N, C-alpha and C. Protein backbone atom coordinates (compact mmCIF):
# COMPACT_ATOMS: atom_id res chain seq x y z
N MET A 1 -10.51 73.33 -5.56
CA MET A 1 -10.35 72.00 -6.05
C MET A 1 -10.11 71.00 -4.97
N ARG A 2 -9.31 71.46 -3.99
CA ARG A 2 -8.91 70.56 -2.84
C ARG A 2 -10.16 70.16 -2.01
N PRO A 3 -11.07 71.16 -1.70
CA PRO A 3 -12.22 70.78 -0.95
C PRO A 3 -13.08 69.70 -1.63
N LEU A 4 -13.21 69.79 -2.95
CA LEU A 4 -13.96 68.75 -3.71
C LEU A 4 -13.29 67.45 -3.65
N ALA A 5 -11.92 67.38 -3.78
CA ALA A 5 -11.22 66.12 -3.71
C ALA A 5 -11.40 65.53 -2.28
N LEU A 6 -11.26 66.36 -1.26
CA LEU A 6 -11.42 65.82 0.06
C LEU A 6 -12.80 65.37 0.35
N LEU A 7 -13.83 66.00 -0.14
CA LEU A 7 -15.19 65.55 -0.02
C LEU A 7 -15.38 64.22 -0.69
N SER A 8 -14.83 64.07 -1.87
CA SER A 8 -14.93 62.77 -2.58
C SER A 8 -14.33 61.61 -1.82
N VAL A 9 -13.17 61.87 -1.17
CA VAL A 9 -12.41 60.80 -0.39
C VAL A 9 -13.27 60.49 0.80
N VAL A 10 -13.85 61.48 1.47
CA VAL A 10 -14.71 61.25 2.65
C VAL A 10 -15.92 60.43 2.27
N LEU A 11 -16.62 60.80 1.21
CA LEU A 11 -17.83 60.09 0.75
C LEU A 11 -17.51 58.66 0.39
N LEU A 12 -16.40 58.43 -0.30
CA LEU A 12 -16.01 57.04 -0.66
C LEU A 12 -15.68 56.23 0.57
N ALA A 13 -15.04 56.82 1.52
CA ALA A 13 -14.67 56.11 2.77
C ALA A 13 -15.87 55.80 3.58
N ALA A 14 -16.93 56.66 3.58
CA ALA A 14 -18.13 56.48 4.36
C ALA A 14 -19.11 55.50 3.66
N ALA A 15 -18.95 55.26 2.40
CA ALA A 15 -19.95 54.33 1.72
C ALA A 15 -19.76 52.97 2.29
N PRO A 16 -20.89 52.27 2.42
CA PRO A 16 -20.80 50.88 2.91
C PRO A 16 -20.18 49.94 1.89
N ALA A 17 -19.59 48.88 2.34
CA ALA A 17 -19.02 47.89 1.41
C ALA A 17 -20.23 47.20 0.74
N THR A 18 -20.11 46.84 -0.46
CA THR A 18 -21.30 46.24 -1.14
C THR A 18 -20.78 44.96 -1.78
N ALA A 19 -21.81 44.20 -2.26
CA ALA A 19 -21.53 42.91 -2.94
C ALA A 19 -21.38 43.11 -4.44
N VAL A 20 -21.02 44.25 -4.85
CA VAL A 20 -20.90 44.54 -6.32
C VAL A 20 -19.89 43.68 -7.02
N ALA A 21 -18.73 43.45 -6.40
CA ALA A 21 -17.64 42.69 -7.03
C ALA A 21 -18.07 41.20 -7.15
N GLU A 22 -17.61 40.62 -8.20
CA GLU A 22 -17.84 39.26 -8.42
C GLU A 22 -16.91 38.45 -7.53
N TRP A 23 -17.36 37.36 -7.04
CA TRP A 23 -16.48 36.47 -6.21
C TRP A 23 -16.17 35.26 -7.10
N ALA A 24 -15.06 34.70 -6.92
CA ALA A 24 -14.68 33.50 -7.70
C ALA A 24 -14.86 32.26 -6.79
N PRO A 25 -15.69 31.37 -7.21
CA PRO A 25 -15.96 30.15 -6.38
C PRO A 25 -14.67 29.28 -6.34
N ASP A 26 -14.56 28.59 -5.22
CA ASP A 26 -13.45 27.60 -5.06
C ASP A 26 -13.92 26.40 -5.87
N PRO A 27 -13.12 26.09 -6.97
CA PRO A 27 -13.54 24.94 -7.86
C PRO A 27 -13.64 23.61 -7.14
N GLY A 28 -13.06 23.48 -5.95
CA GLY A 28 -13.16 22.23 -5.18
C GLY A 28 -14.33 22.19 -4.28
N ASP A 29 -15.11 23.23 -4.24
CA ASP A 29 -16.28 23.31 -3.34
C ASP A 29 -17.58 23.30 -4.23
N LYS A 30 -18.27 22.17 -4.22
CA LYS A 30 -19.51 22.01 -5.05
C LYS A 30 -20.60 23.05 -4.78
N VAL A 31 -20.72 23.42 -3.54
CA VAL A 31 -21.78 24.35 -3.18
C VAL A 31 -21.42 25.75 -3.73
N GLN A 32 -20.13 26.16 -3.59
CA GLN A 32 -19.74 27.46 -4.19
C GLN A 32 -19.89 27.48 -5.69
N VAL A 33 -19.52 26.37 -6.36
CA VAL A 33 -19.61 26.30 -7.85
C VAL A 33 -21.13 26.43 -8.21
N ARG A 34 -21.99 25.64 -7.56
CA ARG A 34 -23.39 25.73 -7.85
C ARG A 34 -23.99 27.11 -7.54
N ALA A 35 -23.52 27.71 -6.46
CA ALA A 35 -24.01 29.05 -6.11
C ALA A 35 -23.64 30.09 -7.14
N SER A 36 -22.40 29.99 -7.67
CA SER A 36 -21.93 30.86 -8.72
C SER A 36 -22.87 30.72 -9.99
N GLU A 37 -23.21 29.46 -10.29
CA GLU A 37 -24.06 29.26 -11.47
C GLU A 37 -25.47 29.87 -11.19
N VAL A 38 -25.92 29.72 -9.98
CA VAL A 38 -27.30 30.29 -9.67
C VAL A 38 -27.17 31.84 -9.72
N VAL A 39 -26.19 32.43 -9.21
CA VAL A 39 -26.04 33.89 -9.34
C VAL A 39 -26.09 34.29 -10.78
N ARG A 40 -25.36 33.60 -11.62
CA ARG A 40 -25.34 33.95 -13.09
C ARG A 40 -26.79 33.79 -13.68
N ALA A 41 -27.51 32.74 -13.27
CA ALA A 41 -28.86 32.51 -13.74
C ALA A 41 -29.82 33.61 -13.29
N PHE A 42 -29.76 34.01 -12.09
CA PHE A 42 -30.56 35.15 -11.57
C PHE A 42 -30.30 36.40 -12.36
N ARG A 43 -29.03 36.70 -12.53
CA ARG A 43 -28.62 37.92 -13.27
C ARG A 43 -29.18 37.91 -14.66
N GLU A 44 -29.19 36.71 -15.32
CA GLU A 44 -29.69 36.68 -16.71
C GLU A 44 -31.20 36.59 -16.79
N SER A 45 -31.80 35.82 -15.87
CA SER A 45 -33.27 35.57 -16.01
C SER A 45 -34.16 36.48 -15.16
N VAL A 46 -33.65 37.12 -14.18
CA VAL A 46 -34.46 37.94 -13.33
C VAL A 46 -33.73 39.34 -13.25
N PRO A 47 -33.97 40.21 -14.26
CA PRO A 47 -33.26 41.43 -14.41
C PRO A 47 -33.41 42.40 -13.18
N ARG A 48 -34.58 42.27 -12.43
CA ARG A 48 -34.73 43.18 -11.32
C ARG A 48 -33.75 42.90 -10.17
N THR A 49 -33.00 41.74 -10.24
CA THR A 49 -32.05 41.53 -9.21
C THR A 49 -30.72 42.35 -9.42
N ALA A 50 -30.56 42.94 -10.58
CA ALA A 50 -29.36 43.68 -10.82
C ALA A 50 -29.10 44.78 -9.74
N ASP A 51 -30.17 45.53 -9.35
CA ASP A 51 -29.99 46.53 -8.32
C ASP A 51 -29.61 45.93 -7.00
N TYR A 52 -30.23 44.81 -6.68
CA TYR A 52 -29.87 44.11 -5.46
C TYR A 52 -28.44 43.71 -5.38
N PHE A 53 -27.99 43.12 -6.47
CA PHE A 53 -26.57 42.71 -6.47
C PHE A 53 -25.65 43.99 -6.43
N ASP A 54 -26.03 45.03 -7.06
CA ASP A 54 -25.19 46.27 -7.09
C ASP A 54 -25.21 47.03 -5.75
N GLN A 55 -26.28 46.92 -5.00
CA GLN A 55 -26.39 47.73 -3.76
C GLN A 55 -26.34 46.99 -2.51
N ALA A 56 -26.38 45.66 -2.51
CA ALA A 56 -26.41 44.89 -1.26
C ALA A 56 -25.11 44.90 -0.50
N TYR A 57 -25.16 44.86 0.80
CA TYR A 57 -23.94 44.71 1.57
C TYR A 57 -23.41 43.29 1.42
N GLY A 58 -24.31 42.36 1.30
CA GLY A 58 -23.90 40.92 1.14
C GLY A 58 -25.17 40.17 0.71
N TYR A 59 -25.04 38.84 0.52
CA TYR A 59 -26.18 37.98 0.21
C TYR A 59 -25.88 36.54 0.51
N ALA A 60 -26.95 35.78 0.71
CA ALA A 60 -26.86 34.40 0.94
C ALA A 60 -27.43 33.69 -0.33
N VAL A 61 -26.75 32.68 -0.82
CA VAL A 61 -27.21 31.99 -2.02
C VAL A 61 -27.49 30.49 -1.66
N PHE A 62 -28.68 30.11 -1.95
CA PHE A 62 -29.05 28.66 -1.83
C PHE A 62 -29.31 28.10 -3.16
N PRO A 63 -28.37 27.31 -3.65
CA PRO A 63 -28.47 26.82 -5.08
C PRO A 63 -29.71 25.90 -5.27
N SER A 64 -30.07 25.11 -4.23
CA SER A 64 -31.21 24.22 -4.39
C SER A 64 -31.85 23.94 -3.01
N ILE A 65 -33.13 24.34 -2.94
CA ILE A 65 -33.95 24.02 -1.77
C ILE A 65 -35.07 23.10 -2.27
N THR A 66 -35.29 22.09 -1.52
CA THR A 66 -36.42 21.17 -1.84
C THR A 66 -37.54 21.29 -0.82
N ARG A 67 -38.76 21.55 -1.39
CA ARG A 67 -39.93 21.67 -0.48
C ARG A 67 -40.92 20.60 -0.83
N ILE A 68 -41.46 19.94 0.18
CA ILE A 68 -42.51 18.91 -0.03
C ILE A 68 -43.55 19.20 0.92
N GLY A 69 -44.82 19.11 0.51
CA GLY A 69 -45.93 19.41 1.45
C GLY A 69 -47.26 18.80 1.03
N PHE A 70 -47.88 18.19 2.04
CA PHE A 70 -49.26 17.65 1.94
C PHE A 70 -49.89 17.94 3.25
N GLY A 71 -50.49 19.10 3.40
CA GLY A 71 -51.06 19.49 4.70
C GLY A 71 -50.00 20.11 5.55
N PHE A 72 -49.03 19.27 5.98
CA PHE A 72 -47.86 19.71 6.64
C PHE A 72 -46.67 19.61 5.70
N GLY A 73 -45.67 20.40 5.83
CA GLY A 73 -44.55 20.25 4.84
C GLY A 73 -43.28 20.75 5.44
N ALA A 74 -42.22 20.56 4.64
CA ALA A 74 -40.85 20.92 5.11
C ALA A 74 -40.03 21.26 3.89
N ALA A 75 -39.01 22.01 4.17
CA ALA A 75 -38.01 22.36 3.06
C ALA A 75 -36.67 22.43 3.69
N ALA A 76 -35.66 22.20 2.89
CA ALA A 76 -34.27 22.22 3.35
C ALA A 76 -33.33 22.53 2.21
N GLY A 77 -32.24 23.14 2.53
CA GLY A 77 -31.19 23.46 1.55
C GLY A 77 -29.94 23.97 2.21
N LYS A 78 -28.86 24.10 1.54
CA LYS A 78 -27.64 24.67 2.03
C LYS A 78 -27.05 25.55 1.04
N GLY A 79 -26.28 26.57 1.53
CA GLY A 79 -25.74 27.60 0.61
C GLY A 79 -24.51 28.30 1.27
N ILE A 80 -24.23 29.44 0.66
CA ILE A 80 -23.08 30.19 1.16
C ILE A 80 -23.49 31.70 1.34
N VAL A 81 -22.70 32.39 2.15
CA VAL A 81 -22.93 33.82 2.32
C VAL A 81 -21.71 34.52 1.71
N VAL A 82 -22.05 35.54 0.91
CA VAL A 82 -21.06 36.35 0.16
C VAL A 82 -21.11 37.80 0.78
N THR A 83 -19.94 38.30 1.13
CA THR A 83 -19.87 39.66 1.65
C THR A 83 -18.77 40.34 0.76
N GLY A 84 -19.15 41.46 0.06
CA GLY A 84 -18.17 42.08 -0.81
C GLY A 84 -17.87 41.13 -1.97
N ASP A 85 -16.57 40.81 -2.09
CA ASP A 85 -16.14 39.97 -3.25
C ASP A 85 -15.62 38.61 -2.68
N LYS A 86 -16.13 38.13 -1.51
CA LYS A 86 -15.60 36.87 -1.02
C LYS A 86 -16.67 36.15 -0.18
N VAL A 87 -16.57 34.75 -0.22
CA VAL A 87 -17.42 33.94 0.54
C VAL A 87 -16.94 34.02 1.96
N THR A 88 -17.94 34.36 2.86
CA THR A 88 -17.59 34.56 4.28
C THR A 88 -18.22 33.49 5.18
N GLY A 89 -19.09 32.67 4.66
CA GLY A 89 -19.66 31.64 5.47
C GLY A 89 -20.54 30.67 4.73
N ARG A 90 -20.94 29.61 5.49
CA ARG A 90 -21.84 28.58 5.01
C ARG A 90 -23.14 28.80 5.70
N THR A 91 -24.23 28.37 5.09
CA THR A 91 -25.56 28.53 5.74
C THR A 91 -26.44 27.36 5.36
N LYS A 92 -27.35 27.03 6.24
CA LYS A 92 -28.38 25.97 6.02
C LYS A 92 -29.76 26.60 6.23
N TYR A 93 -30.69 26.11 5.53
CA TYR A 93 -32.11 26.58 5.57
C TYR A 93 -33.00 25.35 5.92
N ARG A 94 -33.81 25.52 6.95
CA ARG A 94 -34.78 24.48 7.34
C ARG A 94 -36.11 25.29 7.48
N GLN A 95 -37.19 24.66 6.99
CA GLN A 95 -38.45 25.28 7.06
C GLN A 95 -39.59 24.21 7.31
N PHE A 96 -40.54 24.59 8.19
CA PHE A 96 -41.64 23.75 8.37
C PHE A 96 -42.88 24.55 8.01
N THR A 97 -43.82 23.89 7.43
CA THR A 97 -45.05 24.61 6.98
C THR A 97 -46.33 23.91 7.35
N SER A 98 -47.41 24.67 7.52
CA SER A 98 -48.69 24.07 7.77
C SER A 98 -49.71 24.96 7.05
N GLY A 99 -50.67 24.27 6.45
CA GLY A 99 -51.75 24.99 5.77
C GLY A 99 -52.26 24.16 4.61
N ILE A 100 -52.81 24.83 3.63
CA ILE A 100 -53.30 24.20 2.41
C ILE A 100 -52.19 24.09 1.44
N GLN A 101 -51.67 22.89 1.21
CA GLN A 101 -50.56 22.68 0.34
C GLN A 101 -50.53 21.20 -0.20
N ALA A 102 -50.00 21.10 -1.38
CA ALA A 102 -49.90 19.72 -1.99
C ALA A 102 -48.85 19.87 -3.06
N GLY A 103 -47.84 18.93 -2.96
CA GLY A 103 -46.89 18.94 -4.08
C GLY A 103 -45.44 18.97 -3.59
N ALA A 104 -44.57 19.14 -4.59
CA ALA A 104 -43.15 19.27 -4.29
C ALA A 104 -42.53 20.19 -5.31
N LYS A 105 -41.46 20.84 -4.85
CA LYS A 105 -40.75 21.67 -5.81
C LYS A 105 -39.34 21.90 -5.36
N SER A 106 -38.48 22.25 -6.29
CA SER A 106 -37.11 22.55 -6.04
C SER A 106 -36.90 23.95 -6.49
N PHE A 107 -36.24 24.81 -5.71
CA PHE A 107 -36.06 26.20 -6.13
C PHE A 107 -34.73 26.67 -5.67
N SER A 108 -34.22 27.79 -6.17
CA SER A 108 -33.06 28.47 -5.79
C SER A 108 -33.48 29.73 -5.07
N MET A 109 -32.72 30.15 -4.09
CA MET A 109 -33.11 31.39 -3.37
C MET A 109 -31.84 32.20 -3.06
N ILE A 110 -32.01 33.53 -3.22
CA ILE A 110 -30.94 34.52 -2.82
C ILE A 110 -31.62 35.50 -1.86
N ILE A 111 -30.93 35.65 -0.73
CA ILE A 111 -31.39 36.62 0.29
C ILE A 111 -30.31 37.70 0.29
N PHE A 112 -30.79 38.92 -0.02
CA PHE A 112 -29.96 40.10 -0.08
C PHE A 112 -30.02 40.88 1.20
N PHE A 113 -28.86 41.35 1.74
CA PHE A 113 -28.78 42.14 2.98
C PHE A 113 -28.45 43.53 2.57
N ARG A 114 -29.28 44.46 2.95
CA ARG A 114 -29.07 45.89 2.65
C ARG A 114 -27.81 46.49 3.33
N ASP A 115 -27.61 45.97 4.62
CA ASP A 115 -26.49 46.57 5.37
C ASP A 115 -25.93 45.45 6.28
N ALA A 116 -24.87 45.84 7.01
CA ALA A 116 -24.20 44.94 7.97
C ALA A 116 -25.11 44.46 9.02
N GLU A 117 -26.00 45.28 9.51
CA GLU A 117 -26.92 44.96 10.56
C GLU A 117 -27.91 43.88 10.14
N ALA A 118 -28.43 43.98 8.88
CA ALA A 118 -29.30 42.95 8.37
C ALA A 118 -28.61 41.66 8.24
N GLN A 119 -27.36 41.62 7.76
CA GLN A 119 -26.62 40.42 7.63
C GLN A 119 -26.35 39.79 8.99
N ALA A 120 -25.98 40.62 10.03
CA ALA A 120 -25.78 40.12 11.32
C ALA A 120 -27.04 39.50 11.94
N ASP A 121 -28.17 40.06 11.61
CA ASP A 121 -29.45 39.55 12.17
C ASP A 121 -29.65 38.19 11.54
N PHE A 122 -29.42 38.03 10.21
CA PHE A 122 -29.52 36.76 9.56
C PHE A 122 -28.57 35.68 10.24
N GLN A 123 -27.36 36.10 10.51
CA GLN A 123 -26.37 35.22 11.04
C GLN A 123 -26.67 34.77 12.48
N SER A 124 -27.54 35.51 13.16
CA SER A 124 -27.90 35.17 14.56
C SER A 124 -28.64 33.85 14.63
N GLY A 125 -29.32 33.48 13.53
CA GLY A 125 -30.00 32.18 13.51
C GLY A 125 -31.38 32.08 14.13
N LEU A 126 -32.03 33.16 14.39
CA LEU A 126 -33.34 33.17 14.98
C LEU A 126 -34.36 32.54 13.94
N ILE A 127 -35.41 31.90 14.56
CA ILE A 127 -36.38 31.36 13.69
C ILE A 127 -37.30 32.44 13.20
N ARG A 128 -37.60 32.47 11.91
CA ARG A 128 -38.46 33.50 11.30
C ARG A 128 -39.80 32.86 10.91
N PHE A 129 -40.92 33.59 11.24
CA PHE A 129 -42.20 33.17 10.85
C PHE A 129 -42.72 33.97 9.69
N MET A 130 -43.42 33.26 8.77
CA MET A 130 -43.85 33.95 7.54
C MET A 130 -45.11 33.24 7.01
N GLY A 131 -45.73 33.93 6.11
CA GLY A 131 -46.82 33.27 5.37
C GLY A 131 -46.40 33.32 3.89
N GLN A 132 -46.94 32.30 3.15
CA GLN A 132 -46.64 32.35 1.72
C GLN A 132 -47.76 31.64 0.98
N GLY A 133 -47.88 32.01 -0.31
CA GLY A 133 -48.83 31.40 -1.14
C GLY A 133 -48.24 31.37 -2.54
N GLY A 134 -48.65 30.38 -3.35
CA GLY A 134 -48.16 30.35 -4.68
C GLY A 134 -48.46 29.08 -5.37
N LEU A 135 -48.12 29.05 -6.68
CA LEU A 135 -48.33 27.91 -7.46
C LEU A 135 -47.08 27.72 -8.31
N ALA A 136 -46.51 26.52 -8.33
CA ALA A 136 -45.37 26.21 -9.16
C ALA A 136 -45.80 25.10 -10.11
N LEU A 137 -45.54 25.35 -11.39
CA LEU A 137 -45.82 24.34 -12.44
C LEU A 137 -44.64 24.31 -13.37
N GLY A 138 -43.90 23.24 -13.31
CA GLY A 138 -42.64 23.15 -14.09
C GLY A 138 -41.66 24.10 -13.66
N THR A 139 -41.11 25.01 -14.52
CA THR A 139 -40.17 26.03 -14.20
C THR A 139 -40.74 27.39 -14.45
N LEU A 140 -42.00 27.56 -14.27
CA LEU A 140 -42.66 28.81 -14.61
C LEU A 140 -42.76 29.87 -13.54
N ALA A 141 -41.92 29.83 -12.58
CA ALA A 141 -42.09 30.82 -11.43
C ALA A 141 -40.76 31.45 -11.09
N ALA A 142 -40.79 32.76 -10.84
CA ALA A 142 -39.70 33.48 -10.21
C ALA A 142 -40.44 34.49 -9.31
N ASN A 143 -40.15 34.44 -8.02
CA ASN A 143 -40.90 35.21 -7.07
C ASN A 143 -39.87 35.97 -6.12
N GLY A 144 -40.43 36.91 -5.44
CA GLY A 144 -39.55 37.61 -4.45
C GLY A 144 -40.22 38.85 -3.90
N THR A 145 -39.60 39.43 -2.90
CA THR A 145 -40.10 40.63 -2.28
C THR A 145 -39.96 41.80 -3.26
N PRO A 146 -40.85 42.70 -3.23
CA PRO A 146 -40.72 43.85 -4.19
C PRO A 146 -39.66 44.86 -3.73
N GLY A 147 -39.20 44.75 -2.51
CA GLY A 147 -38.16 45.66 -1.95
C GLY A 147 -37.62 45.13 -0.71
N TYR A 148 -36.77 45.82 -0.04
CA TYR A 148 -36.18 45.44 1.22
C TYR A 148 -37.31 45.49 2.31
N ASN A 149 -37.37 44.48 3.14
CA ASN A 149 -38.22 44.46 4.32
C ASN A 149 -37.33 44.16 5.55
N ASP A 150 -37.19 45.09 6.43
CA ASP A 150 -36.28 44.94 7.55
C ASP A 150 -34.87 44.71 7.12
N GLY A 151 -34.43 45.31 6.03
CA GLY A 151 -33.10 45.22 5.54
C GLY A 151 -32.82 43.96 4.76
N VAL A 152 -33.80 43.18 4.41
CA VAL A 152 -33.63 41.96 3.76
C VAL A 152 -34.62 41.91 2.52
N ALA A 153 -34.08 41.37 1.37
CA ALA A 153 -34.91 41.12 0.21
C ALA A 153 -34.69 39.70 -0.24
N VAL A 154 -35.75 38.97 -0.53
CA VAL A 154 -35.64 37.52 -0.84
C VAL A 154 -36.19 37.37 -2.28
N VAL A 155 -35.42 36.65 -3.11
CA VAL A 155 -35.83 36.40 -4.50
C VAL A 155 -35.63 34.85 -4.69
N THR A 156 -36.66 34.21 -5.27
CA THR A 156 -36.53 32.79 -5.58
C THR A 156 -36.82 32.50 -7.03
N MET A 157 -36.32 31.39 -7.46
CA MET A 157 -36.49 30.98 -8.87
C MET A 157 -36.77 29.50 -8.81
N THR A 158 -37.96 29.05 -9.28
CA THR A 158 -38.24 27.70 -9.31
C THR A 158 -37.43 26.92 -10.30
N ARG A 159 -36.81 25.85 -9.85
CA ARG A 159 -36.02 25.03 -10.73
C ARG A 159 -36.95 23.97 -11.38
N PHE A 160 -37.82 23.33 -10.58
CA PHE A 160 -38.79 22.42 -11.11
C PHE A 160 -39.76 22.14 -10.05
N GLY A 161 -41.07 21.94 -10.39
CA GLY A 161 -41.99 21.53 -9.35
C GLY A 161 -43.38 21.60 -9.81
N LEU A 162 -44.27 20.98 -9.00
CA LEU A 162 -45.69 21.03 -9.10
C LEU A 162 -46.25 21.14 -7.70
N MET A 163 -46.58 22.33 -7.36
CA MET A 163 -47.05 22.58 -6.00
C MET A 163 -47.95 23.72 -5.90
N GLY A 164 -48.99 23.63 -5.12
CA GLY A 164 -49.89 24.75 -4.79
C GLY A 164 -49.83 24.88 -3.28
N GLU A 165 -49.83 26.13 -2.81
CA GLU A 165 -49.77 26.34 -1.34
C GLU A 165 -50.33 27.60 -0.85
N PHE A 166 -50.87 27.62 0.32
CA PHE A 166 -51.26 28.79 1.14
C PHE A 166 -50.93 28.41 2.57
N THR A 167 -49.81 28.84 3.04
CA THR A 167 -49.32 28.27 4.30
C THR A 167 -48.72 29.31 5.22
N VAL A 168 -48.59 28.99 6.49
CA VAL A 168 -47.77 29.70 7.46
C VAL A 168 -46.56 28.79 7.68
N SER A 169 -45.39 29.43 8.01
CA SER A 169 -44.23 28.61 8.18
C SER A 169 -43.31 29.21 9.17
N GLY A 170 -42.36 28.41 9.60
CA GLY A 170 -41.25 28.91 10.41
C GLY A 170 -40.03 28.47 9.67
N ALA A 171 -39.05 29.39 9.53
CA ALA A 171 -37.79 29.08 8.80
C ALA A 171 -36.65 29.30 9.74
N LYS A 172 -35.66 28.42 9.72
CA LYS A 172 -34.43 28.51 10.57
C LYS A 172 -33.24 28.54 9.65
N PHE A 173 -32.36 29.59 9.81
CA PHE A 173 -31.14 29.65 9.07
C PHE A 173 -30.01 29.42 10.08
N VAL A 174 -29.10 28.56 9.67
CA VAL A 174 -27.91 28.32 10.47
C VAL A 174 -26.72 28.88 9.71
N TYR A 175 -25.95 29.68 10.39
CA TYR A 175 -24.74 30.30 9.75
C TYR A 175 -23.47 29.82 10.41
N GLU A 176 -22.47 29.49 9.63
CA GLU A 176 -21.16 29.08 10.10
C GLU A 176 -20.16 29.93 9.32
N PRO A 177 -19.38 30.74 10.15
CA PRO A 177 -18.36 31.57 9.43
C PRO A 177 -17.31 30.67 8.71
N LEU A 178 -16.82 31.12 7.70
CA LEU A 178 -15.81 30.35 6.87
C LEU A 178 -14.46 30.55 7.55
N THR A 179 -13.82 29.48 7.92
CA THR A 179 -12.49 29.51 8.46
C THR A 179 -11.56 28.74 7.45
N GLU A 180 -10.28 28.70 7.70
CA GLU A 180 -9.38 28.02 6.80
C GLU A 180 -9.70 26.50 6.86
N ASP A 181 -10.10 26.01 8.02
CA ASP A 181 -10.45 24.61 8.14
C ASP A 181 -11.69 24.20 7.37
N SER A 182 -12.63 25.15 7.22
CA SER A 182 -13.89 24.90 6.57
C SER A 182 -13.93 25.52 5.14
N ALA A 183 -12.87 25.91 4.69
CA ALA A 183 -12.79 26.66 3.34
C ALA A 183 -13.30 25.77 2.19
N THR A 184 -13.06 24.46 2.26
CA THR A 184 -13.54 23.59 1.18
C THR A 184 -14.50 22.63 1.81
N GLY A 185 -15.68 22.57 1.12
CA GLY A 185 -16.69 21.61 1.61
C GLY A 185 -17.62 21.25 0.51
N ASN A 186 -18.52 20.36 0.71
CA ASN A 186 -19.51 19.93 -0.21
C ASN A 186 -20.82 20.06 0.39
């Protein structure tokens, strides 16, 4: 019986920390409150995110990103980074696009990190290049990667929009660790 108990303790200690636990938003921080509402909406409306929430090391939540494009386009939003059961940082998203596109949309996005390495890569702030295509009409879209790609999975939910696009883009994420001085913000 002792070897089994010892094995259980070793396995639990070796398991990576995950974002399973719910975090409580700071009621004085509008971004955290909105992020909490977005997490609840994803859990209710996009069932496939359950495994991501259960297994991820951490995740970044962007409650609202606005994208506008007519040939060239741009998108921007701000959010928070959650590791385990606490908010560990703030993040900003900036994107430029070029291609066939017309319209505007507002969407929410969650980026899941499979492990600490993937989250550290996100926090480095390197520009990411990607291609995307899609059509948003009203609130009829929920999109995302079918699985982790380089330790990251992205899921979006259209809040509202009318946009068609087939573009290439560059995205920049800025990460700021949460300190006591930056604990409350808007």
